[in-house]
Amino acid sequence: MNDQYYISAHCSISNNIVSYNNEAVFEGTGHDIPGFLLSVYQHLGVKYPKFYKMDNLAKLGWLAAEVLLKDFDKTKYQPTDIGVVLSNAGSSLDADKRYYDSVQDIASPALFVYTLPNIVIGEICIRHHFKGENAFYIFERFNAEFISSYVSVLLETGQLQACICGWVEMTATGYKAVLFLVEKEGATPFTTENINKIYSTANG
């Protein structure tokens, strides 16, 4: 691990709470998952009609990225210098199940589009015009060691100058997103220990 890289910002969305750098910025009450995600979108005051067409996983990751990048000056970098590396345990299973259910009647092309987990990366990159390296990995549980080593290699080899990375999981009954913005400047060293600490304390 190369300590020249830092977590310049981090955010989480879990248990009806949205946090940015360990501070709660929004708390929802009394909503199901789609209702909560919509309330976060409305709270952020973003005008992005495509949001309504996304599946829950894409909405979750997209919203987390909006919060993560709220103070980020992307003009410091070329679009190809900013990448996205995400992971989860369930892939796109939430959308897969919904699509399977729709097939019993009339298959839904709108759902089929989201039956790949990396679509959430595409939605983030389209929104922010990122064109750097991106990848989505599936693990049984959050794997901070892999994230720290893989992203560090991308930075060390000059493939990226900044990277959004972390965990975005959506199931029928729960969700958790924890994203990190990694750059060559910041206050918190980008280490496995710090990644795990932030993840484990993210909204319970």
Protein backbone atom coordinates (compact mmCIF):
# COMPACT_ATOMS: atom_id res chain seq x y z
CA MET A 1 0.00 0.00 0.00
CA ASN A 2 1.29 3.42 -0.96
CA ASP A 3 0.43 6.04 1.66
CA GLN A 4 0.71 8.90 -0.79
CA TYR A 5 -2.98 8.37 -1.60
CA TYR A 6 -5.75 9.70 0.57
CA ILE A 7 -9.47 9.44 1.15
CA SER A 8 -10.43 13.04 0.37
CA ALA A 9 -14.13 12.37 1.02
CA HIS A 10 -16.44 9.50 1.87
CA CYS A 11 -20.17 8.99 2.15
CA SER A 12 -22.68 6.35 3.13
CA ILE A 13 -26.37 5.62 2.65
CA SER A 14 -27.86 3.04 4.98
CA ASN A 15 -30.70 2.65 7.49
CA ASN A 16 -32.51 5.73 6.14
CA ILE A 17 -29.49 7.94 6.84
CA VAL A 18 -27.22 9.73 4.37
CA SER A 19 -23.82 10.72 5.75
CA TYR A 20 -20.93 12.71 4.32
CA ASN A 21 -17.56 12.54 6.06
CA ASN A 22 -19.19 11.02 9.17
CA GLU A 23 -21.85 13.72 9.42
CA ALA A 24 -25.51 12.94 8.75
CA VAL A 25 -26.81 15.21 5.99
CA PHE A 26 -30.27 13.65 5.59
CA GLU A 27 -32.47 11.26 7.51
CA GLY A 28 -35.66 9.77 6.12
CA THR A 29 -38.58 8.31 8.04
CA GLY A 30 -41.44 6.00 7.23
CA HIS A 31 -40.51 5.12 3.65
CA ASP A 32 -40.00 1.87 1.80
CA ILE A 33 -36.73 1.64 -0.14
CA PRO A 34 -37.97 3.30 -3.37
CA GLY A 35 -39.67 6.02 -1.32
CA PHE A 36 -36.53 6.67 0.71
CA LEU A 37 -34.35 6.90 -2.42
CA LEU A 38 -36.82 9.36 -3.94
CA SER A 39 -36.77 11.45 -0.77
CA VAL A 40 -32.97 11.62 -0.91
CA TYR A 41 -33.12 12.70 -4.56
CA GLN A 42 -35.64 15.42 -3.73
CA HIS A 43 -33.59 16.57 -0.75
CA LEU A 44 -30.50 16.99 -2.93
CA GLY A 45 -32.47 19.27 -5.26
CA VAL A 46 -30.99 17.69 -8.38
CA LYS A 47 -32.85 17.92 -11.68
CA TYR A 48 -32.04 14.72 -13.55
CA PRO A 49 -35.14 13.13 -15.14
CA LYS A 50 -33.28 9.92 -15.99
CA PHE A 51 -33.15 9.15 -12.27
CA TYR A 52 -36.77 8.01 -12.34
CA LYS A 53 -35.99 5.31 -14.92
CA MET A 54 -33.17 3.71 -12.93
CA ASP A 55 -33.48 0.54 -10.88
CA ASN A 56 -32.94 0.70 -7.11
CA LEU A 57 -29.27 -0.33 -7.26
CA ALA A 58 -28.44 2.36 -9.81
CA LYS A 59 -30.40 4.96 -7.83
CA LEU A 60 -28.53 4.05 -4.64
CA GLY A 61 -25.09 4.27 -6.23
CA TRP A 62 -25.99 7.39 -8.19
CA LEU A 63 -27.25 9.18 -5.08
CA ALA A 64 -24.19 8.15 -3.08
CA ALA A 65 -21.96 9.55 -5.82
CA GLU A 66 -23.92 12.83 -5.80
CA VAL A 67 -23.24 13.22 -2.08
CA LEU A 68 -19.63 12.05 -2.32
CA LEU A 69 -18.76 14.50 -5.08
CA LYS A 70 -20.63 17.54 -3.82
CA ASP A 71 -17.37 19.40 -3.00
CA PHE A 72 -15.22 17.71 -5.64
CA ASP A 73 -13.54 19.92 -8.24
CA LYS A 74 -13.42 17.57 -11.21
CA THR A 75 -11.96 20.32 -13.40
CA LYS A 76 -8.58 19.51 -11.78
CA TYR A 77 -8.51 16.34 -13.89
CA GLN A 78 -9.13 15.12 -17.39
CA PRO A 79 -12.27 12.95 -17.75
CA THR A 80 -10.04 9.94 -18.50
CA ASP A 81 -8.15 10.48 -15.22
CA ILE A 82 -11.18 9.75 -13.01
CA GLY A 83 -12.35 6.17 -12.56
CA VAL A 84 -14.98 4.17 -10.68
CA VAL A 85 -14.45 0.80 -8.96
CA LEU A 86 -17.43 -0.67 -7.13
CA SER A 87 -18.36 -3.98 -5.51
CA ASN A 88 -21.18 -5.81 -3.79
CA ALA A 89 -22.35 -9.32 -2.88
CA GLY A 90 -25.64 -9.58 -4.75
CA SER A 91 -24.72 -8.27 -8.21
CA SER A 92 -27.92 -6.96 -9.85
CA LEU A 93 -30.13 -9.57 -8.17
CA ASP A 94 -32.78 -7.05 -7.12
CA ALA A 95 -33.37 -6.02 -10.74
CA ASP A 96 -32.94 -9.61 -11.95
CA LYS A 97 -35.83 -10.77 -9.78
CA ARG A 98 -38.04 -7.92 -10.88
CA TYR A 99 -37.27 -8.67 -14.52
CA TYR A 100 -37.97 -12.38 -14.01
CA ASP A 101 -41.33 -11.51 -12.50
CA SER A 102 -42.15 -9.30 -15.49
CA VAL A 103 -41.35 -12.14 -17.90
CA GLN A 104 -44.28 -14.08 -16.50
CA ASP A 105 -46.52 -11.51 -18.19
CA ILE A 106 -44.73 -9.18 -20.62
CA ALA A 107 -40.96 -8.84 -20.33
CA SER A 108 -39.89 -5.33 -19.34
CA PRO A 109 -37.07 -3.86 -21.47
CA ALA A 110 -36.78 -1.05 -18.91
CA LEU A 111 -35.87 -3.60 -16.23
CA PHE A 112 -33.71 -5.73 -18.51
CA VAL A 113 -31.35 -2.78 -19.03
CA TYR A 114 -30.42 -2.95 -15.34
CA THR A 115 -29.72 -6.68 -15.10
CA LEU A 116 -25.98 -6.04 -14.98
CA PRO A 117 -24.36 -4.56 -11.85
CA ASN A 118 -21.97 -2.33 -13.77
CA ILE A 119 -24.89 -0.26 -15.07
CA VAL A 120 -24.70 1.77 -11.86
CA ILE A 121 -21.15 2.74 -12.85
CA GLY A 122 -22.42 3.77 -16.26
CA GLU A 123 -25.06 6.01 -14.70
CA ILE A 124 -22.45 7.70 -12.48
CA CYS A 125 -20.02 8.18 -15.36
CA ILE A 126 -22.69 9.59 -17.68
CA ARG A 127 -23.82 12.03 -15.01
CA HIS A 128 -20.31 13.30 -14.21
CA HIS A 129 -18.62 12.72 -17.60
CA PHE A 130 -16.00 10.36 -16.17
CA LYS A 131 -14.14 8.32 -18.78
CA GLY A 132 -11.44 6.56 -16.78
CA GLU A 133 -11.00 2.92 -15.78
CA ASN A 134 -14.09 1.36 -14.26
CA ALA A 135 -14.98 -2.08 -12.93
CA PHE A 136 -17.55 -3.84 -10.76
CA TYR A 137 -16.55 -6.83 -8.61
CA ILE A 138 -18.64 -9.35 -6.69
CA PHE A 139 -17.51 -10.55 -3.24
CA GLU A 140 -19.30 -12.42 -0.47
CA ARG A 141 -18.63 -9.49 1.84
CA PHE A 142 -16.98 -6.08 1.78
CA ASN A 143 -13.34 -6.54 0.77
CA ALA A 144 -11.32 -3.51 1.82
CA GLU A 145 -7.99 -5.18 1.09
CA PHE A 146 -8.89 -5.76 -2.55
CA ILE A 147 -10.23 -2.22 -3.00
CA SER A 148 -7.15 -0.63 -1.46
CA SER A 149 -4.69 -2.70 -3.50
CA TYR A 150 -6.55 -2.52 -6.82
CA VAL A 151 -7.22 1.21 -6.70
CA SER A 152 -3.65 1.90 -5.56
CA VAL A 153 -2.31 0.05 -8.60
CA LEU A 154 -4.49 2.18 -10.89
CA LEU A 155 -3.12 5.32 -9.25
CA GLU A 156 0.49 4.18 -9.02
CA THR A 157 0.63 3.23 -12.69
CA GLY A 158 -0.87 6.53 -13.77
CA GLN A 159 -4.02 5.01 -15.21
CA LEU A 160 -6.02 7.25 -12.86
CA GLN A 161 -5.45 10.42 -10.88
CA ALA A 162 -8.63 10.06 -8.82
CA CYS A 163 -11.01 7.20 -8.13
CA ILE A 164 -14.49 6.70 -6.71
CA CYS A 165 -14.59 3.28 -5.07
CA GLY A 166 -16.53 1.26 -2.54
CA TRP A 167 -19.61 -0.86 -1.92
CA VAL A 168 -23.15 -0.52 -3.32
CA GLU A 169 -25.55 -3.30 -2.28
CA MET A 170 -29.29 -3.52 -2.87
CA THR A 171 -31.63 -6.34 -1.89
CA ALA A 172 -35.40 -6.57 -1.64
CA THR A 173 -35.23 -5.80 2.07
CA GLY A 174 -32.12 -3.70 2.61
CA TYR A 175 -29.37 -1.58 1.13
CA LYS A 176 -25.98 -0.10 1.93
CA ALA A 177 -23.70 2.18 -0.02
CA VAL A 178 -20.29 3.33 1.19
CA LEU A 179 -18.19 5.27 -1.30
CA PHE A 180 -14.71 6.75 -1.07
CA LEU A 181 -13.09 9.47 -3.16
CA VAL A 182 -9.38 8.73 -3.46
CA GLU A 183 -6.85 11.35 -4.56
CA LYS A 184 -3.22 12.25 -4.01
CA GLU A 185 -4.20 14.87 -1.45
CA GLY A 186 -6.35 14.61 1.65
CA ALA A 187 -6.39 14.07 5.39
CA THR A 188 -7.05 10.32 5.72
CA PRO A 189 -4.51 7.85 4.30
CA PHE A 190 -6.02 5.36 1.87
CA THR A 191 -5.29 2.20 3.83
CA THR A 192 -7.16 -1.06 4.35
CA GLU A 193 -7.56 -0.20 8.03
CA ASN A 194 -9.11 3.20 7.35
CA ILE A 195 -11.39 1.81 4.66
CA ASN A 196 -12.64 -0.91 7.00
CA LYS A 197 -13.13 1.56 9.86
CA ILE A 198 -15.23 3.90 7.75
CA TYR A 199 -17.26 1.04 6.28
CA SER A 200 -17.95 -0.60 9.63
CA THR A 201 -19.15 2.62 11.25
CA ALA A 202 -21.31 3.72 8.30
CA ASN A 203 -24.81 4.15 9.72
CA GLY A 204 -24.72 0.90 11.66
